[in-house]
PDB file of N, CA and C in Angstrom:
ATOM      1  N   MET A   1       0.820  -1.183  -0.011  1.00  0.00           N
ATOM      2  CA  MET A   1       0.004  -0.009  -0.008  1.00  0.00           C
ATOM      3  C   MET A   1       0.892   1.247  -0.020  1.00  0.00           C
ATOM      4  N   ILE A   2       0.480   2.226  -0.737  1.00  0.00           N
ATOM      5  CA  ILE A   2       1.188   3.507  -0.861  1.00  0.00           C
ATOM      6  C   ILE A   2       0.334   4.564  -0.152  1.00  0.00           C
ATOM      7  N   VAL A   3       0.937   5.272   0.780  1.00  0.00           N
ATOM      8  CA  VAL A   3       0.198   6.283   1.563  1.00  0.00           C
ATOM      9  C   VAL A   3       0.935   7.613   1.341  1.00  0.00           C
ATOM     10  N   SER A   4       0.144   8.646   1.068  1.00  0.00           N
ATOM     11  CA  SER A   4       0.727   9.948   0.881  1.00  0.00           C
ATOM     12  C   SER A   4       0.393  10.821   2.130  1.00  0.00           C
ATOM     13  N   HIS A   5       1.388  11.471   2.675  1.00  0.00           N
ATOM     14  CA  HIS A   5       1.165  12.395   3.798  1.00  0.00           C
ATOM     15  C   HIS A   5       1.006  13.818   3.282  1.00  0.00           C
ATOM     16  N   GLN A   6       1.005  13.999   1.949  1.00  0.00           N
ATOM     17  CA  GLN A   6       0.824  15.299   1.315  1.00  0.00           C
ATOM     18  C   GLN A   6      -0.229  15.216   0.269  1.00  0.00           C
ATOM     19  N   TYR A   7      -1.330  14.514   0.548  1.00  0.00           N
ATOM     20  CA  TYR A   7      -2.408  14.274  -0.406  1.00  0.00           C
ATOM     21  C   TYR A   7      -2.867  15.616  -0.983  1.00  0.00           C
ATOM     22  N   PRO A   8      -3.137  15.691  -2.254  1.00  0.00           N
ATOM     23  CA  PRO A   8      -3.294  14.609  -3.301  1.00  0.00           C
ATOM     24  C   PRO A   8      -1.947  14.416  -4.042  1.00  0.00           C
ATOM     25  N   HIS A   9      -0.816  14.681  -3.458  1.00  0.00           N
ATOM     26  CA  HIS A   9       0.467  14.518  -4.119  1.00  0.00           C
ATOM     27  C   HIS A   9       1.222  13.318  -3.605  1.00  0.00           C
ATOM     28  N   LEU A  10       2.051  12.734  -4.463  1.00  0.00           N
ATOM     29  CA  LEU A  10       2.877  11.617  -4.086  1.00  0.00           C
ATOM     30  C   LEU A  10       4.362  11.956  -4.473  1.00  0.00           C
ATOM     31  N   LYS A  11       5.286  11.429  -3.716  1.00  0.00           N
ATOM     32  CA  LYS A  11       6.701  11.554  -4.121  1.00  0.00           C
ATOM     33  C   LYS A  11       7.013  10.477  -5.146  1.00  0.00           C
ATOM     34  N   VAL A  12       7.512  10.864  -6.272  1.00  0.00           N
ATOM     35  CA  VAL A  12       7.857   9.965  -7.367  1.00  0.00           C
ATOM     36  C   VAL A  12       9.326  10.139  -7.695  1.00  0.00           C
ATOM     37  N   ARG A  13       9.989   9.022  -7.880  1.00  0.00           N
ATOM     38  CA  ARG A  13      11.401   9.061  -8.353  1.00  0.00           C
ATOM     39  C   ARG A  13      11.409   8.466  -9.734  1.00  0.00           C
ATOM     40  N   TYR A  14      12.001   9.174 -10.698  1.00  0.00           N
ATOM     41  CA  TYR A  14      12.065   8.619 -12.032  1.00  0.00           C
ATOM     42  C   TYR A  14      13.464   8.796 -12.594  1.00  0.00           C
ATOM     43  N   GLN A  15      13.804   7.867 -13.524  1.00  0.00           N
ATOM     44  CA  GLN A  15      15.143   7.902 -14.120  1.00  0.00           C
ATOM     45  C   GLN A  15      15.009   7.850 -15.633  1.00  0.00           C
ATOM     46  N   VAL A  16      15.672   8.751 -16.270  1.00  0.00           N
ATOM     47  CA  VAL A  16      15.756   8.840 -17.735  1.00  0.00           C
ATOM     48  C   VAL A  16      17.262   8.833 -18.055  1.00  0.00           C
ATOM     49  N   ARG A  17      17.714   7.831 -18.744  1.00  0.00           N
ATOM     50  CA  ARG A  17      19.108   7.669 -18.984  1.00  0.00           C
ATOM     51  C   ARG A  17      19.875   7.677 -17.656  1.00  0.00           C
ATOM     52  N   SER A  18      20.877   8.540 -17.463  1.00  0.00           N
ATOM     53  CA  SER A  18      21.647   8.551 -16.246  1.00  0.00           C
ATOM     54  C   SER A  18      21.120   9.541 -15.228  1.00  0.00           C
ATOM     55  N   LEU A  19      20.041  10.257 -15.523  1.00  0.00           N
ATOM     56  CA  LEU A  19      19.534  11.258 -14.641  1.00  0.00           C
ATOM     57  C   LEU A  19      18.360  10.693 -13.779  1.00  0.00           C
ATOM     58  N   THR A  20      18.501  10.859 -12.455  1.00  0.00           N
ATOM     59  CA  THR A  20      17.477  10.416 -11.518  1.00  0.00           C
ATOM     60  C   THR A  20      16.886  11.686 -10.842  1.00  0.00           C
ATOM     61  N   ILE A  21      15.571  11.784 -10.869  1.00  0.00           N
ATOM     62  CA  ILE A  21      14.888  12.954 -10.309  1.00  0.00           C
ATOM     63  C   ILE A  21      13.817  12.422  -9.296  1.00  0.00           C
ATOM     64  N   GLU A  22      13.770  13.085  -8.159  1.00  0.00           N
ATOM     65  CA  GLU A  22      12.717  12.811  -7.167  1.00  0.00           C
ATOM     66  C   GLU A  22      11.938  14.091  -6.869  1.00  0.00           C
ATOM     67  N   GLU A  23      10.659  14.031  -7.054  1.00  0.00           N
ATOM     68  CA  GLU A  23       9.858  15.253  -6.789  1.00  0.00           C
ATOM     69  C   GLU A  23       8.428  14.873  -6.406  1.00  0.00           C
ATOM     70  N   LEU A  24       7.777  15.857  -5.800  1.00  0.00           N
ATOM     71  CA  LEU A  24       6.365  15.700  -5.400  1.00  0.00           C
ATOM     72  C   LEU A  24       5.526  15.889  -6.659  1.00  0.00           C
ATOM     73  N   THR A  25       4.584  14.972  -6.915  1.00  0.00           N
ATOM     74  CA  THR A  25       3.809  15.033  -8.109  1.00  0.00           C
ATOM     75  C   THR A  25       2.318  14.925  -7.802  1.00  0.00           C
ATOM     76  N   TYR A  26       1.486  15.380  -8.711  1.00  0.00           N
ATOM     77  CA  TYR A  26       0.051  15.189  -8.626  1.00  0.00           C
ATOM     78  C   TYR A  26      -0.335  13.938  -9.428  1.00  0.00           C
ATOM     79  N   VAL A  27      -1.047  13.037  -8.822  1.00  0.00           N
ATOM     80  CA  VAL A  27      -1.346  11.749  -9.476  1.00  0.00           C
ATOM     81  C   VAL A  27      -2.739  11.866 -10.100  1.00  0.00           C
ATOM     82  N   ASP A  28      -2.827  11.695 -11.392  1.00  0.00           N
ATOM     83  CA  ASP A  28      -4.090  11.698 -12.122  1.00  0.00           C
ATOM     84  C   ASP A  28      -4.491  10.263 -12.319  1.00  0.00           C
ATOM     85  N   THR A  29      -5.433   9.777 -11.492  1.00  0.00           N
ATOM     86  CA  THR A  29      -5.778   8.328 -11.496  1.00  0.00           C
ATOM     87  C   THR A  29      -6.507   7.927 -12.792  1.00  0.00           C
ATOM     88  N   GLY A  30      -6.970   8.855 -13.568  1.00  0.00           N
ATOM     89  CA  GLY A  30      -7.647   8.551 -14.802  1.00  0.00           C
ATOM     90  C   GLY A  30      -6.756   8.529 -16.020  1.00  0.00           C
ATOM     91  N   PHE A  31      -5.487   8.823 -15.867  1.00  0.00           N
ATOM     92  CA  PHE A  31      -4.521   8.916 -16.934  1.00  0.00           C
ATOM     93  C   PHE A  31      -3.701   7.641 -16.992  1.00  0.00           C
ATOM     94  N   ASP A  32      -3.578   7.029 -18.158  1.00  0.00           N
ATOM     95  CA  ASP A  32      -2.793   5.777 -18.292  1.00  0.00           C
ATOM     96  C   ASP A  32      -1.760   5.877 -19.350  1.00  0.00           C
ATOM     97  N   GLY A  33      -1.257   7.028 -19.696  1.00  0.00           N
ATOM     98  CA  GLY A  33      -0.342   7.188 -20.808  1.00  0.00           C
ATOM     99  C   GLY A  33       1.090   7.346 -20.402  1.00  0.00           C
ATOM    100  N   GLY A  34       1.433   7.143 -19.171  1.00  0.00           N
ATOM    101  CA  GLY A  34       2.830   7.289 -18.752  1.00  0.00           C
ATOM    102  C   GLY A  34       2.942   8.340 -17.640  1.00  0.00           C
ATOM    103  N   LEU A  35       4.118   8.856 -17.485  1.00  0.00           N
ATOM    104  CA  LEU A  35       4.386   9.871 -16.479  1.00  0.00           C
ATOM    105  C   LEU A  35       4.622  11.199 -17.192  1.00  0.00           C
ATOM    106  N   VAL A  36       3.838  12.135 -16.894  1.00  0.00           N
ATOM    107  CA  VAL A  36       3.963  13.466 -17.490  1.00  0.00           C
ATOM    108  C   VAL A  36       4.773  14.322 -16.504  1.00  0.00           C
ATOM    109  N   VAL A  37       5.900  14.854 -16.957  1.00  0.00           N
ATOM    110  CA  VAL A  37       6.706  15.681 -16.089  1.00  0.00           C
ATOM    111  C   VAL A  37       6.759  17.125 -16.587  1.00  0.00           C
ATOM    112  N   SER A  38       7.285  18.008 -15.764  1.00  0.00           N
ATOM    113  CA  SER A  38       7.314  19.408 -16.037  1.00  0.00           C
ATOM    114  C   SER A  38       8.157  19.777 -17.247  1.00  0.00           C
ATOM    115  N   VAL A  39       7.745  20.790 -18.016  1.00  0.00           N
ATOM    116  CA  VAL A  39       8.503  21.283 -19.120  1.00  0.00           C
ATOM    117  C   VAL A  39       9.879  21.816 -18.694  1.00  0.00           C
ATOM    118  N   ARG A  40      10.004  22.259 -17.474  1.00  0.00           N
ATOM    119  CA  ARG A  40      11.311  22.784 -16.980  1.00  0.00           C
ATOM    120  C   ARG A  40      12.354  21.752 -16.983  1.00  0.00           C
ATOM    121  N   ARG A  41      11.971  20.448 -17.172  1.00  0.00           N
ATOM    122  CA  ARG A  41      12.955  19.359 -17.177  1.00  0.00           C
ATOM    123  C   ARG A  41      13.552  19.113 -18.555  1.00  0.00           C
ATOM    124  N   LEU A  42      13.035  19.765 -19.608  1.00  0.00           N
ATOM    125  CA  LEU A  42      13.542  19.542 -20.963  1.00  0.00           C
ATOM    126  C   LEU A  42      15.032  19.637 -21.060  1.00  0.00           C
ATOM    127  N   SER A  43      15.626  20.687 -20.576  1.00  0.00           N
ATOM    128  CA  SER A  43      17.102  20.887 -20.679  1.00  0.00           C
ATOM    129  C   SER A  43      17.894  19.828 -19.934  1.00  0.00           C
ATOM    130  N   GLU A  44      17.324  19.283 -18.882  1.00  0.00           N
ATOM    131  CA  GLU A  44      18.006  18.221 -18.100  1.00  0.00           C
ATOM    132  C   GLU A  44      17.922  16.868 -18.742  1.00  0.00           C
ATOM    133  N   LEU A  45      16.802  16.593 -19.452  1.00  0.00           N
ATOM    134  CA  LEU A  45      16.588  15.273 -20.018  1.00  0.00           C
ATOM    135  C   LEU A  45      17.274  15.035 -21.364  1.00  0.00           C
ATOM    136  N   GLY A  46      17.633  16.115 -22.074  1.00  0.00           N
ATOM    137  CA  GLY A  46      18.350  15.975 -23.330  1.00  0.00           C
ATOM    138  C   GLY A  46      17.381  15.699 -24.500  1.00  0.00           C
ATOM    139  N   THR A  47      17.891  15.080 -25.538  1.00  0.00           N
ATOM    140  CA  THR A  47      17.128  14.823 -26.757  1.00  0.00           C
ATOM    141  C   THR A  47      16.041  13.747 -26.494  1.00  0.00           C
ATOM    142  N   PRO A  48      14.793  13.998 -26.852  1.00  0.00           N
ATOM    143  CA  PRO A  48      13.738  13.021 -26.721  1.00  0.00           C
ATOM    144  C   PRO A  48      13.956  11.750 -27.600  1.00  0.00           C
ATOM    145  N   ASP A  49      13.390  10.663 -27.160  1.00  0.00           N
ATOM    146  CA  ASP A  49      13.453   9.414 -27.914  1.00  0.00           C
ATOM    147  C   ASP A  49      12.427   9.455 -29.077  1.00  0.00           C
ATOM    148  N   ASP A  50      11.342  10.224 -28.932  1.00  0.00           N
ATOM    149  CA  ASP A  50      10.288  10.253 -29.908  1.00  0.00           C
ATOM    150  C   ASP A  50       9.485  11.540 -29.714  1.00  0.00           C
ATOM    151  N   TYR A  51       8.653  11.907 -30.675  1.00  0.00           N
ATOM    152  CA  TYR A  51       7.724  13.012 -30.639  1.00  0.00           C
ATOM    153  C   TYR A  51       6.304  12.536 -30.988  1.00  0.00           C
ATOM    154  N   PRO A  52       5.629  11.787 -30.180  1.00  0.00           N
ATOM    155  CA  PRO A  52       4.280  11.322 -30.519  1.00  0.00           C
ATOM    156  C   PRO A  52       3.235  12.402 -30.417  1.00  0.00           C
ATOM    157  N   ILE A  53       2.101  12.221 -31.114  1.00  0.00           N
ATOM    158  CA  ILE A  53       0.934  13.075 -30.951  1.00  0.00           C
ATOM    159  C   ILE A  53       0.081  12.424 -29.858  1.00  0.00           C
ATOM    160  N   ILE A  54      -0.280  13.198 -28.879  1.00  0.00           N
ATOM    161  CA  ILE A  54      -1.060  12.679 -27.717  1.00  0.00           C
ATOM    162  C   ILE A  54      -2.402  13.350 -27.688  1.00  0.00           C
ATOM    163  N   GLU A  55      -3.440  12.547 -27.482  1.00  0.00           N
ATOM    164  CA  GLU A  55      -4.799  13.092 -27.345  1.00  0.00           C
ATOM    165  C   GLU A  55      -5.079  13.384 -25.876  1.00  0.00           C
ATOM    166  N   LEU A  56      -5.479  14.627 -25.594  1.00  0.00           N
ATOM    167  CA  LEU A  56      -5.791  15.025 -24.231  1.00  0.00           C
ATOM    168  C   LEU A  56      -7.268  14.625 -23.888  1.00  0.00           C
ATOM    169  N   GLY A  57      -7.586  14.849 -22.649  1.00  0.00           N
ATOM    170  CA  GLY A  57      -8.901  14.453 -22.142  1.00  0.00           C
ATOM    171  C   GLY A  57     -10.028  15.192 -22.847  1.00  0.00           C
ATOM    172  N   ASP A  58      -9.792  16.368 -23.351  1.00  0.00           N
ATOM    173  CA  ASP A  58     -10.827  17.150 -24.078  1.00  0.00           C
ATOM    174  C   ASP A  58     -10.933  16.809 -25.569  1.00  0.00           C
ATOM    175  N   GLY A  59     -10.089  15.851 -25.985  1.00  0.00           N
ATOM    176  CA  GLY A  59     -10.106  15.451 -27.432  1.00  0.00           C
ATOM    177  C   GLY A  59      -9.094  16.199 -28.327  1.00  0.00           C
ATOM    178  N   SER A  60      -8.499  17.290 -27.745  1.00  0.00           N
ATOM    179  CA  SER A  60      -7.477  17.974 -28.556  1.00  0.00           C
ATOM    180  C   SER A  60      -6.181  17.168 -28.578  1.00  0.00           C
ATOM    181  N   GLU A  61      -5.351  17.472 -29.531  1.00  0.00           N
ATOM    182  CA  GLU A  61      -4.079  16.762 -29.696  1.00  0.00           C
ATOM    183  C   GLU A  61      -2.886  17.716 -29.599  1.00  0.00           C
ATOM    184  N   ILE A  62      -1.765  17.207 -29.004  1.00  0.00           N
ATOM    185  CA  ILE A  62      -0.557  17.963 -28.946  1.00  0.00           C
ATOM    186  C   ILE A  62       0.621  17.099 -29.287  1.00  0.00           C
ATOM    187  N   VAL A  63       1.728  17.720 -29.596  1.00  0.00           N
ATOM    188  CA  VAL A  63       2.993  16.991 -29.812  1.00  0.00           C
ATOM    189  C   VAL A  63       3.731  16.972 -28.534  1.00  0.00           C
ATOM    190  N   ALA A  64       4.204  15.794 -28.086  1.00  0.00           N
ATOM    191  CA  ALA A  64       4.919  15.641 -26.834  1.00  0.00           C
ATOM    192  C   ALA A  64       6.321  15.159 -27.101  1.00  0.00           C
ATOM    193  N   ALA A  65       7.204  15.443 -26.171  1.00  0.00           N
ATOM    194  CA  ALA A  65       8.558  14.843 -26.193  1.00  0.00           C
ATOM    195  C   ALA A  65       8.495  13.605 -25.326  1.00  0.00           C
ATOM    196  N   GLU A  66       8.980  12.474 -25.839  1.00  0.00           N
ATOM    197  CA  GLU A  66       8.848  11.217 -25.110  1.00  0.00           C
ATOM    198  C   GLU A  66      10.217  10.633 -24.811  1.00  0.00           C
ATOM    199  N   TYR A  67      10.399  10.189 -23.528  1.00  0.00           N
ATOM    200  CA  TYR A  67      11.625   9.554 -23.055  1.00  0.00           C
ATOM    201  C   TYR A  67      11.356   8.222 -22.460  1.00  0.00           C
ATOM    202  N   SER A  68      12.294   7.281 -22.650  1.00  0.00           N
ATOM    203  CA  SER A  68      12.129   5.985 -22.015  1.00  0.00           C
ATOM    204  C   SER A  68      12.859   6.026 -20.658  1.00  0.00           C
ATOM    205  N   GLY A  69      12.257   5.404 -19.676  1.00  0.00           N
ATOM    206  CA  GLY A  69      12.834   5.405 -18.350  1.00  0.00           C
ATOM    207  C   GLY A  69      12.048   4.520 -17.363  1.00  0.00           C
ATOM    208  N   GLU A  70      12.320   4.671 -16.059  1.00  0.00           N
ATOM    209  CA  GLU A  70      11.641   3.989 -15.005  1.00  0.00           C
ATOM    210  C   GLU A  70      11.121   4.933 -14.004  1.00  0.00           C
ATOM    211  N   ALA A  71      10.032   4.518 -13.276  1.00  0.00           N
ATOM    212  CA  ALA A  71       9.497   5.341 -12.195  1.00  0.00           C
ATOM    213  C   ALA A  71       9.337   4.496 -10.965  1.00  0.00           C
ATOM    214  N   GLU A  72       9.473   5.146  -9.761  1.00  0.00           N
ATOM    215  CA  GLU A  72       9.232   4.483  -8.507  1.00  0.00           C
ATOM    216  C   GLU A  72       8.277   5.308  -7.713  1.00  0.00           C
ATOM    217  N   ILE A  73       7.257   4.668  -7.167  1.00  0.00           N
ATOM    218  CA  ILE A  73       6.348   5.275  -6.174  1.00  0.00           C
ATOM    219  C   ILE A  73       6.332   4.329  -5.039  1.00  0.00           C
ATOM    220  N   GLY A  74       6.926   4.680  -3.924  1.00  0.00           N
ATOM    221  CA  GLY A  74       7.064   3.753  -2.796  1.00  0.00           C
ATOM    222  C   GLY A  74       7.832   2.518  -3.243  1.00  0.00           C
ATOM    223  N   GLU A  75       7.282   1.332  -3.052  1.00  0.00           N
ATOM    224  CA  GLU A  75       7.939   0.092  -3.443  1.00  0.00           C
ATOM    225  C   GLU A  75       7.593  -0.292  -4.874  1.00  0.00           C
ATOM    226  N   LEU A  76       6.687   0.425  -5.516  1.00  0.00           N
ATOM    227  CA  LEU A  76       6.273   0.088  -6.891  1.00  0.00           C
ATOM    228  C   LEU A  76       7.251   0.706  -7.912  1.00  0.00           C
ATOM    229  N   ARG A  77       7.807  -0.162  -8.737  1.00  0.00           N
ATOM    230  CA  ARG A  77       8.775   0.278  -9.739  1.00  0.00           C
ATOM    231  C   ARG A  77       8.404  -0.363 -11.052  1.00  0.00           C
ATOM    232  N   THR A  78       8.309   0.479 -12.097  1.00  0.00           N
ATOM    233  CA  THR A  78       7.910  -0.040 -13.369  1.00  0.00           C
ATOM    234  C   THR A  78       8.595   0.698 -14.509  1.00  0.00           C
ATOM    235  N   PRO A  79       9.102  -0.041 -15.550  1.00  0.00           N
ATOM    236  CA  PRO A  79       9.597   0.633 -16.733  1.00  0.00           C
ATOM    237  C   PRO A  79       8.478   1.189 -17.568  1.00  0.00           C
ATOM    238  N   ARG A  80       8.611   2.452 -17.941  1.00  0.00           N
ATOM    239  CA  ARG A  80       7.555   3.126 -18.769  1.00  0.00           C
ATOM    240  C   ARG A  80       8.214   4.097 -19.732  1.00  0.00           C
ATOM    241  N   LYS A  81       7.412   4.568 -20.657  1.00  0.00           N
ATOM    242  CA  LYS A  81       7.828   5.695 -21.469  1.00  0.00           C
ATOM    243  C   LYS A  81       7.196   6.938 -20.817  1.00  0.00           C
ATOM    244  N   TYR A  82       7.968   7.970 -20.674  1.00  0.00           N
ATOM    245  CA  TYR A  82       7.454   9.159 -20.046  1.00  0.00           C
ATOM    246  C   TYR A  82       7.159  10.212 -21.090  1.00  0.00           C
ATOM    247  N   SER A  83       6.037  10.805 -21.066  1.00  0.00           N
ATOM    248  CA  SER A  83       5.676  11.883 -22.003  1.00  0.00           C
ATOM    249  C   SER A  83       5.885  13.209 -21.342  1.00  0.00           C
ATOM    250  N   LEU A  84       6.606  14.049 -21.975  1.00  0.00           N
ATOM    251  CA  LEU A  84       6.852  15.397 -21.474  1.00  0.00           C
ATOM    252  C   LEU A  84       6.241  16.391 -22.469  1.00  0.00           C
ATOM    253  N   TYR A  85       5.199  17.077 -22.088  1.00  0.00           N
ATOM    254  CA  TYR A  85       4.599  18.044 -23.025  1.00  0.00           C
ATOM    255  C   TYR A  85       5.544  19.188 -23.268  1.00  0.00           C
ATOM    256  N   ARG A  86       5.569  19.619 -24.542  1.00  0.00           N
ATOM    257  CA  ARG A  86       6.350  20.787 -24.855  1.00  0.00           C
ATOM    258  C   ARG A  86       5.481  21.910 -25.366  1.00  0.00           C
TER     259      ARG A  86
END
């Protein structure tokens, strides 16, 4: 079980290439497309692995920068592709 003492936020640790970042995040329980991180991380993450078109909840589409990596929330660790909106 994962418990947050700063609800509705959770501490997430994620790794993209050799960079590991830990920060407090807002968890969108209805989103299943990966981990969306702040645009301010662009310069730290380097060149994206891909630029997919992502459909948002309102049906609009945007181009995102996508990175391969892993995320940890408590004891839960899973490899995912992270989408970073630009």
